[in-house]
PDB file of N, CA and C in Angstrom:
ATOM      1  N   MET A   1     -11.853 -18.602  14.425  1.00  0.00           N
ATOM      2  CA  MET A   1     -11.027 -17.450  14.143  1.00  0.00           C
ATOM      3  C   MET A   1     -11.211 -16.443  15.275  1.00  0.00           C
ATOM      4  N   SER A   2     -10.119 -16.042  15.885  1.00  0.00           N
ATOM      5  CA  SER A   2     -10.220 -15.001  16.899  1.00  0.00           C
ATOM      6  C   SER A   2     -10.251 -13.641  16.216  1.00  0.00           C
ATOM      7  N   THR A   3     -10.843 -12.682  16.866  1.00  0.00           N
ATOM      8  CA  THR A   3     -10.944 -11.355  16.291  1.00  0.00           C
ATOM      9  C   THR A   3     -10.334 -10.329  17.236  1.00  0.00           C
ATOM     10  N   ALA A   4     -10.000  -9.182  16.681  1.00  0.00           N
ATOM     11  CA  ALA A   4      -9.476  -8.069  17.452  1.00  0.00           C
ATOM     12  C   ALA A   4     -10.164  -6.798  16.990  1.00  0.00           C
ATOM     13  N   VAL A   5     -10.148  -5.811  17.823  1.00  0.00           N
ATOM     14  CA  VAL A   5     -10.786  -4.536  17.512  1.00  0.00           C
ATOM     15  C   VAL A   5      -9.741  -3.568  16.987  1.00  0.00           C
ATOM     16  N   VAL A   6     -10.096  -2.871  15.903  1.00  0.00           N
ATOM     17  CA  VAL A   6      -9.265  -1.813  15.328  1.00  0.00           C
ATOM     18  C   VAL A   6     -10.122  -0.562  15.272  1.00  0.00           C
ATOM     19  N   SER A   7      -9.583   0.530  15.732  1.00  0.00           N
ATOM     20  CA  SER A   7     -10.313   1.795  15.711  1.00  0.00           C
ATOM     21  C   SER A   7      -9.698   2.696  14.648  1.00  0.00           C
ATOM     22  N   ILE A   8     -10.535   3.295  13.804  1.00  0.00           N
ATOM     23  CA  ILE A   8     -10.039   4.200  12.764  1.00  0.00           C
ATOM     24  C   ILE A   8     -10.831   5.498  12.789  1.00  0.00           C
ATOM     25  N   ARG A   9     -10.219   6.535  12.260  1.00  0.00           N
ATOM     26  CA  ARG A   9     -10.907   7.805  12.092  1.00  0.00           C
ATOM     27  C   ARG A   9     -11.071   8.057  10.598  1.00  0.00           C
ATOM     28  N   VAL A  10     -12.261   8.469  10.216  1.00  0.00           N
ATOM     29  CA  VAL A  10     -12.547   8.829   8.826  1.00  0.00           C
ATOM     30  C   VAL A  10     -13.238  10.181   8.825  1.00  0.00           C
ATOM     31  N   ASP A  11     -13.194  10.859   7.688  1.00  0.00           N
ATOM     32  CA  ASP A  11     -13.869  12.150   7.644  1.00  0.00           C
ATOM     33  C   ASP A  11     -15.389  11.939   7.615  1.00  0.00           C
ATOM     34  N   ALA A  12     -16.114  13.000   7.879  1.00  0.00           N
ATOM     35  CA  ALA A  12     -17.569  12.922   8.020  1.00  0.00           C
ATOM     36  C   ALA A  12     -18.250  12.377   6.769  1.00  0.00           C
ATOM     37  N   GLU A  13     -17.747  12.753   5.593  1.00  0.00           N
ATOM     38  CA  GLU A  13     -18.370  12.284   4.349  1.00  0.00           C
ATOM     39  C   GLU A  13     -18.244  10.765   4.213  1.00  0.00           C
ATOM     40  N   VAL A  14     -17.090  10.228   4.521  1.00  0.00           N
ATOM     41  CA  VAL A  14     -16.896   8.770   4.441  1.00  0.00           C
ATOM     42  C   VAL A  14     -17.814   8.079   5.441  1.00  0.00           C
ATOM     43  N   LYS A  15     -17.914   8.612   6.643  1.00  0.00           N
ATOM     44  CA  LYS A  15     -18.784   8.025   7.668  1.00  0.00           C
ATOM     45  C   LYS A  15     -20.240   8.050   7.213  1.00  0.00           C
ATOM     46  N   GLU A  16     -20.676   9.145   6.617  1.00  0.00           N
ATOM     47  CA  GLU A  16     -22.051   9.241   6.126  1.00  0.00           C
ATOM     48  C   GLU A  16     -22.312   8.214   5.035  1.00  0.00           C
ATOM     49  N   ARG A  17     -21.360   8.066   4.134  1.00  0.00           N
ATOM     50  CA  ARG A  17     -21.519   7.075   3.055  1.00  0.00           C
ATOM     51  C   ARG A  17     -21.577   5.665   3.616  1.00  0.00           C
ATOM     52  N   LEU A  18     -20.707   5.379   4.567  1.00  0.00           N
ATOM     53  CA  LEU A  18     -20.685   4.058   5.196  1.00  0.00           C
ATOM     54  C   LEU A  18     -21.988   3.790   5.936  1.00  0.00           C
ATOM     55  N   ASP A  19     -22.466   4.783   6.667  1.00  0.00           N
ATOM     56  CA  ASP A  19     -23.739   4.626   7.380  1.00  0.00           C
ATOM     57  C   ASP A  19     -24.898   4.417   6.417  1.00  0.00           C
ATOM     58  N   ALA A  20     -24.903   5.145   5.292  1.00  0.00           N
ATOM     59  CA  ALA A  20     -25.976   4.992   4.302  1.00  0.00           C
ATOM     60  C   ALA A  20     -25.945   3.591   3.689  1.00  0.00           C
ATOM     61  N   LEU A  21     -24.757   3.112   3.367  1.00  0.00           N
ATOM     62  CA  LEU A  21     -24.633   1.754   2.821  1.00  0.00           C
ATOM     63  C   LEU A  21     -25.112   0.729   3.837  1.00  0.00           C
ATOM     64  N   SER A  22     -24.712   0.901   5.054  1.00  0.00           N
ATOM     65  CA  SER A  22     -25.117  -0.004   6.121  1.00  0.00           C
ATOM     66  C   SER A  22     -26.631  -0.009   6.292  1.00  0.00           C
ATOM     67  N   ALA A  23     -27.220   1.169   6.305  1.00  0.00           N
ATOM     68  CA  ALA A  23     -28.673   1.270   6.476  1.00  0.00           C
ATOM     69  C   ALA A  23     -29.430   0.654   5.302  1.00  0.00           C
ATOM     70  N   SER A  24     -28.912   0.842   4.092  1.00  0.00           N
ATOM     71  CA  SER A  24     -29.630   0.342   2.917  1.00  0.00           C
ATOM     72  C   SER A  24     -29.503  -1.159   2.737  1.00  0.00           C
ATOM     73  N   THR A  25     -28.496  -1.762   3.334  1.00  0.00           N
ATOM     74  CA  THR A  25     -28.289  -3.203   3.163  1.00  0.00           C
ATOM     75  C   THR A  25     -28.603  -4.016   4.408  1.00  0.00           C
ATOM     76  N   GLY A  26     -28.694  -3.342   5.550  1.00  0.00           N
ATOM     77  CA  GLY A  26     -28.948  -4.061   6.791  1.00  0.00           C
ATOM     78  C   GLY A  26     -27.710  -4.726   7.374  1.00  0.00           C
ATOM     79  N   ARG A  27     -26.568  -4.480   6.786  1.00  0.00           N
ATOM     80  CA  ARG A  27     -25.315  -5.033   7.322  1.00  0.00           C
ATOM     81  C   ARG A  27     -24.632  -3.964   8.168  1.00  0.00           C
ATOM     82  N   PRO A  28     -23.891  -4.385   9.185  1.00  0.00           N
ATOM     83  CA  PRO A  28     -23.186  -3.388   9.995  1.00  0.00           C
ATOM     84  C   PRO A  28     -22.060  -2.712   9.207  1.00  0.00           C
ATOM     85  N   ALA A  29     -21.764  -1.481   9.580  1.00  0.00           N
ATOM     86  CA  ALA A  29     -20.679  -0.741   8.930  1.00  0.00           C
ATOM     87  C   ALA A  29     -19.363  -1.503   9.045  1.00  0.00           C
ATOM     88  N   ALA A  30     -19.157  -2.170  10.169  1.00  0.00           N
ATOM     89  CA  ALA A  30     -17.916  -2.929  10.373  1.00  0.00           C
ATOM     90  C   ALA A  30     -17.725  -3.995   9.289  1.00  0.00           C
ATOM     91  N   TYR A  31     -18.817  -4.554   8.794  1.00  0.00           N
ATOM     92  CA  TYR A  31     -18.733  -5.551   7.725  1.00  0.00           C
ATOM     93  C   TYR A  31     -18.060  -4.945   6.497  1.00  0.00           C
ATOM     94  N   TYR A  32     -18.474  -3.741   6.112  1.00  0.00           N
ATOM     95  CA  TYR A  32     -17.926  -3.110   4.913  1.00  0.00           C
ATOM     96  C   TYR A  32     -16.493  -2.628   5.116  1.00  0.00           C
ATOM     97  N   VAL A  33     -16.181  -2.182   6.308  1.00  0.00           N
ATOM     98  CA  VAL A  33     -14.797  -1.791   6.604  1.00  0.00           C
ATOM     99  C   VAL A  33     -13.892  -3.018   6.510  1.00  0.00           C
ATOM    100  N   ARG A  34     -14.344  -4.120   7.074  1.00  0.00           N
ATOM    101  CA  ARG A  34     -13.585  -5.371   7.033  1.00  0.00           C
ATOM    102  C   ARG A  34     -13.416  -5.862   5.590  1.00  0.00           C
ATOM    103  N   GLU A  35     -14.494  -5.816   4.814  1.00  0.00           N
ATOM    104  CA  GLU A  35     -14.425  -6.248   3.413  1.00  0.00           C
ATOM    105  C   GLU A  35     -13.443  -5.388   2.613  1.00  0.00           C
ATOM    106  N   ALA A  36     -13.490  -4.074   2.810  1.00  0.00           N
ATOM    107  CA  ALA A  36     -12.579  -3.175   2.091  1.00  0.00           C
ATOM    108  C   ALA A  36     -11.136  -3.459   2.473  1.00  0.00           C
ATOM    109  N   LEU A  37     -10.896  -3.676   3.751  1.00  0.00           N
ATOM    110  CA  LEU A  37      -9.545  -3.978   4.218  1.00  0.00           C
ATOM    111  C   LEU A  37      -9.039  -5.285   3.616  1.00  0.00           C
ATOM    112  N   LEU A  38      -9.847  -6.314   3.672  1.00  0.00           N
ATOM    113  CA  LEU A  38      -9.437  -7.604   3.113  1.00  0.00           C
ATOM    114  C   LEU A  38      -9.211  -7.524   1.605  1.00  0.00           C
ATOM    115  N   GLU A  39     -10.024  -6.740   0.923  1.00  0.00           N
ATOM    116  CA  GLU A  39      -9.910  -6.594  -0.534  1.00  0.00           C
ATOM    117  C   GLU A  39      -8.599  -5.930  -0.933  1.00  0.00           C
ATOM    118  N   HIS A  40      -8.115  -4.998  -0.114  1.00  0.00           N
ATOM    119  CA  HIS A  40      -6.973  -4.186  -0.524  1.00  0.00           C
ATOM    120  C   HIS A  40      -5.685  -4.435   0.260  1.00  0.00           C
ATOM    121  N   LEU A  41      -5.734  -5.234   1.307  1.00  0.00           N
ATOM    122  CA  LEU A  41      -4.550  -5.433   2.136  1.00  0.00           C
ATOM    123  C   LEU A  41      -3.393  -6.069   1.368  1.00  0.00           C
ATOM    124  N   ASP A  42      -3.674  -7.070   0.534  1.00  0.00           N
ATOM    125  CA  ASP A  42      -2.607  -7.691  -0.269  1.00  0.00           C
ATOM    126  C   ASP A  42      -1.920  -6.658  -1.160  1.00  0.00           C
ATOM    127  N   GLU A  43      -2.708  -5.817  -1.794  1.00  0.00           N
ATOM    128  CA  GLU A  43      -2.164  -4.785  -2.671  1.00  0.00           C
ATOM    129  C   GLU A  43      -1.309  -3.784  -1.885  1.00  0.00           C
ATOM    130  N   LEU A  44      -1.790  -3.377  -0.733  1.00  0.00           N
ATOM    131  CA  LEU A  44      -1.034  -2.433   0.090  1.00  0.00           C
ATOM    132  C   LEU A  44       0.289  -3.033   0.555  1.00  0.00           C
ATOM    133  N   GLU A  45       0.249  -4.304   0.948  1.00  0.00           N
ATOM    134  CA  GLU A  45       1.485  -4.980   1.363  1.00  0.00           C
ATOM    135  C   GLU A  45       2.468  -5.065   0.197  1.00  0.00           C
ATOM    136  N   TYR A  46       1.966  -5.379  -0.993  1.00  0.00           N
ATOM    137  CA  TYR A  46       2.815  -5.497  -2.180  1.00  0.00           C
ATOM    138  C   TYR A  46       3.453  -4.158  -2.532  1.00  0.00           C
ATOM    139  N   VAL A  47       2.676  -3.090  -2.500  1.00  0.00           N
ATOM    140  CA  VAL A  47       3.199  -1.757  -2.800  1.00  0.00           C
ATOM    141  C   VAL A  47       4.273  -1.376  -1.784  1.00  0.00           C
ATOM    142  N   HIS A  48       4.033  -1.664  -0.520  1.00  0.00           N
ATOM    143  CA  HIS A  48       5.018  -1.359   0.516  1.00  0.00           C
ATOM    144  C   HIS A  48       6.313  -2.138   0.277  1.00  0.00           C
ATOM    145  N   GLN A  49       6.183  -3.407  -0.099  1.00  0.00           N
ATOM    146  CA  GLN A  49       7.357  -4.234  -0.393  1.00  0.00           C
ATOM    147  C   GLN A  49       8.132  -3.660  -1.579  1.00  0.00           C
ATOM    148  N   LEU A  50       7.429  -3.283  -2.651  1.00  0.00           N
ATOM    149  CA  LEU A  50       8.093  -2.712  -3.826  1.00  0.00           C
ATOM    150  C   LEU A  50       8.818  -1.418  -3.492  1.00  0.00           C
ATOM    151  N   ARG A  51       8.190  -0.581  -2.688  1.00  0.00           N
ATOM    152  CA  ARG A  51       8.843   0.675  -2.294  1.00  0.00           C
ATOM    153  C   ARG A  51      10.111   0.391  -1.499  1.00  0.00           C
ATOM    154  N   GLY A  52      10.043  -0.573  -0.606  1.00  0.00           N
ATOM    155  CA  GLY A  52      11.220  -0.947   0.178  1.00  0.00           C
ATOM    156  C   GLY A  52      12.343  -1.467  -0.705  1.00  0.00           C
ATOM    157  N   GLU A  53      11.984  -2.293  -1.688  1.00  0.00           N
ATOM    158  CA  GLU A  53      12.994  -2.817  -2.612  1.00  0.00           C
ATOM    159  C   GLU A  53      13.583  -1.704  -3.467  1.00  0.00           C
ATOM    160  N   ALA A  54      12.767  -0.767  -3.910  1.00  0.00           N
ATOM    161  CA  ALA A  54      13.266   0.357  -4.714  1.00  0.00           C
ATOM    162  C   ALA A  54      14.236   1.205  -3.893  1.00  0.00           C
ATOM    163  N   GLU A  55      13.910   1.434  -2.641  1.00  0.00           N
ATOM    164  CA  GLU A  55      14.811   2.202  -1.774  1.00  0.00           C
ATOM    165  C   GLU A  55      16.118   1.459  -1.566  1.00  0.00           C
ATOM    166  N   ALA A  56      16.050   0.145  -1.390  1.00  0.00           N
ATOM    167  CA  ALA A  56      17.260  -0.663  -1.212  1.00  0.00           C
ATOM    168  C   ALA A  56      18.116  -0.630  -2.473  1.00  0.00           C
ATOM    169  N   ILE A  57      17.498  -0.635  -3.637  1.00  0.00           N
ATOM    170  CA  ILE A  57      18.239  -0.544  -4.904  1.00  0.00           C
ATOM    171  C   ILE A  57      18.941   0.802  -4.986  1.00  0.00           C
ATOM    172  N   ARG A  58      18.224   1.872  -4.654  1.00  0.00           N
ATOM    173  CA  ARG A  58      18.839   3.210  -4.694  1.00  0.00           C
ATOM    174  C   ARG A  58      20.029   3.318  -3.742  1.00  0.00           C
ATOM    175  N   ARG A  59      19.958   2.618  -2.616  1.00  0.00           N
ATOM    176  CA  ARG A  59      21.061   2.642  -1.658  1.00  0.00           C
ATOM    177  C   ARG A  59      22.184   1.684  -2.050  1.00  0.00           C
ATOM    178  N   GLY A  60      21.979   0.917  -3.126  1.00  0.00           N
ATOM    179  CA  GLY A  60      22.984  -0.033  -3.580  1.00  0.00           C
ATOM    180  C   GLY A  60      23.015  -1.321  -2.784  1.00  0.00           C
ATOM    181  N   GLU A  61      21.953  -1.627  -2.082  1.00  0.00           N
ATOM    182  CA  GLU A  61      21.899  -2.823  -1.244  1.00  0.00           C
ATOM    183  C   GLU A  61      21.397  -4.055  -1.990  1.00  0.00           C
ATOM    184  N   LEU A  62      20.794  -3.869  -3.161  1.00  0.00           N
ATOM    185  CA  LEU A  62      20.326  -4.993  -3.968  1.00  0.00           C
ATOM    186  C   LEU A  62      20.998  -4.944  -5.324  1.00  0.00           C
ATOM    187  N   GLN A  63      21.396  -6.107  -5.791  1.00  0.00           N
ATOM    188  CA  GLN A  63      22.052  -6.196  -7.093  1.00  0.00           C
ATOM    189  C   GLN A  63      21.000  -6.144  -8.199  1.00  0.00           C
ATOM    190  N   THR A  64      21.292  -5.414  -9.264  1.00  0.00           N
ATOM    191  CA  THR A  64      20.399  -5.322 -10.410  1.00  0.00           C
ATOM    192  C   THR A  64      21.180  -5.621 -11.675  1.00  0.00           C
ATOM    193  N   ILE A  65      20.452  -5.787 -12.783  1.00  0.00           N
ATOM    194  CA  ILE A  65      21.102  -5.938 -14.080  1.00  0.00           C
ATOM    195  C   ILE A  65      20.499  -4.917 -15.030  1.00  0.00           C
ATOM    196  N   SER A  66      21.235  -4.572 -16.057  1.00  0.00           N
ATOM    197  CA  SER A  66      20.742  -3.580 -17.011  1.00  0.00           C
ATOM    198  C   SER A  66      19.644  -4.185 -17.881  1.00  0.00           C
ATOM    199  N   SER A  67      18.846  -3.320 -18.498  1.00  0.00           N
ATOM    200  CA  SER A  67      17.785  -3.813 -19.379  1.00  0.00           C
ATOM    201  C   SER A  67      18.375  -4.513 -20.599  1.00  0.00           C
ATOM    202  N   ASP A  68      19.545  -4.068 -21.063  1.00  0.00           N
ATOM    203  CA  ASP A  68      20.206  -4.743 -22.191  1.00  0.00           C
ATOM    204  C   ASP A  68      20.600  -6.164 -21.799  1.00  0.00           C
ATOM    205  N   ASP A  69      21.168  -6.325 -20.610  1.00  0.00           N
ATOM    206  CA  ASP A  69      21.540  -7.662 -20.144  1.00  0.00           C
ATOM    207  C   ASP A  69      20.309  -8.539 -19.953  1.00  0.00           C
ATOM    208  N   LEU A  70      19.224  -7.959 -19.458  1.00  0.00           N
ATOM    209  CA  LEU A  70      17.989  -8.710 -19.286  1.00  0.00           C
ATOM    210  C   LEU A  70      17.450  -9.160 -20.640  1.00  0.00           C
ATOM    211  N   SER A  71      17.448  -8.261 -21.620  1.00  0.00           N
ATOM    212  CA  SER A  71      16.971  -8.621 -22.960  1.00  0.00           C
ATOM    213  C   SER A  71      17.834  -9.726 -23.566  1.00  0.00           C
ATOM    214  N   ALA A  72      19.119  -9.606 -23.413  1.00  0.00           N
ATOM    215  CA  ALA A  72      20.021 -10.620 -23.938  1.00  0.00           C
ATOM    216  C   ALA A  72      19.752 -11.970 -23.280  1.00  0.00           C
ATOM    217  N   GLU A  73      19.506 -11.946 -21.983  1.00  0.00           N
ATOM    218  CA  GLU A  73      19.228 -13.184 -21.253  1.00  0.00           C
ATOM    219  C   GLU A  73      17.904 -13.789 -21.674  1.00  0.00           C
ATOM    220  N   LEU A  74      16.899 -12.967 -21.899  1.00  0.00           N
ATOM    221  CA  LEU A  74      15.568 -13.470 -22.251  1.00  0.00           C
ATOM    222  C   LEU A  74      15.479 -13.958 -23.687  1.00  0.00           C
ATOM    223  N   PHE A  75      16.180 -13.285 -24.599  1.00  0.00           N
ATOM    224  CA  PHE A  75      16.002 -13.573 -26.002  1.00  0.00           C
ATOM    225  C   PHE A  75      17.182 -14.288 -26.655  1.00  0.00           C
ATOM    226  N   SER A  76      18.055 -14.852 -25.853  1.00  0.00           N
ATOM    227  CA  SER A  76      19.178 -15.589 -26.456  1.00  0.00           C
ATOM    228  C   SER A  76      18.946 -17.069 -26.427  1.00  0.00           C
TER     229      SER A  76
END
């Protein structure tokens, strides 16, 4: 697996917490940043996709059906 470097800025409190966790576990801070990113990236991508779809619906670019039609389709 090839790797790349990503630089981020965090406030001092987050940095202190990350440093304390790193010191108490002996793992580098980058390990925890990577773990947090991997844990939440799928969720962030999904939320971004949903927001995009909602905006497209508001603009009339995606076809929708009413909740009554959906209920009729599901329960008939």
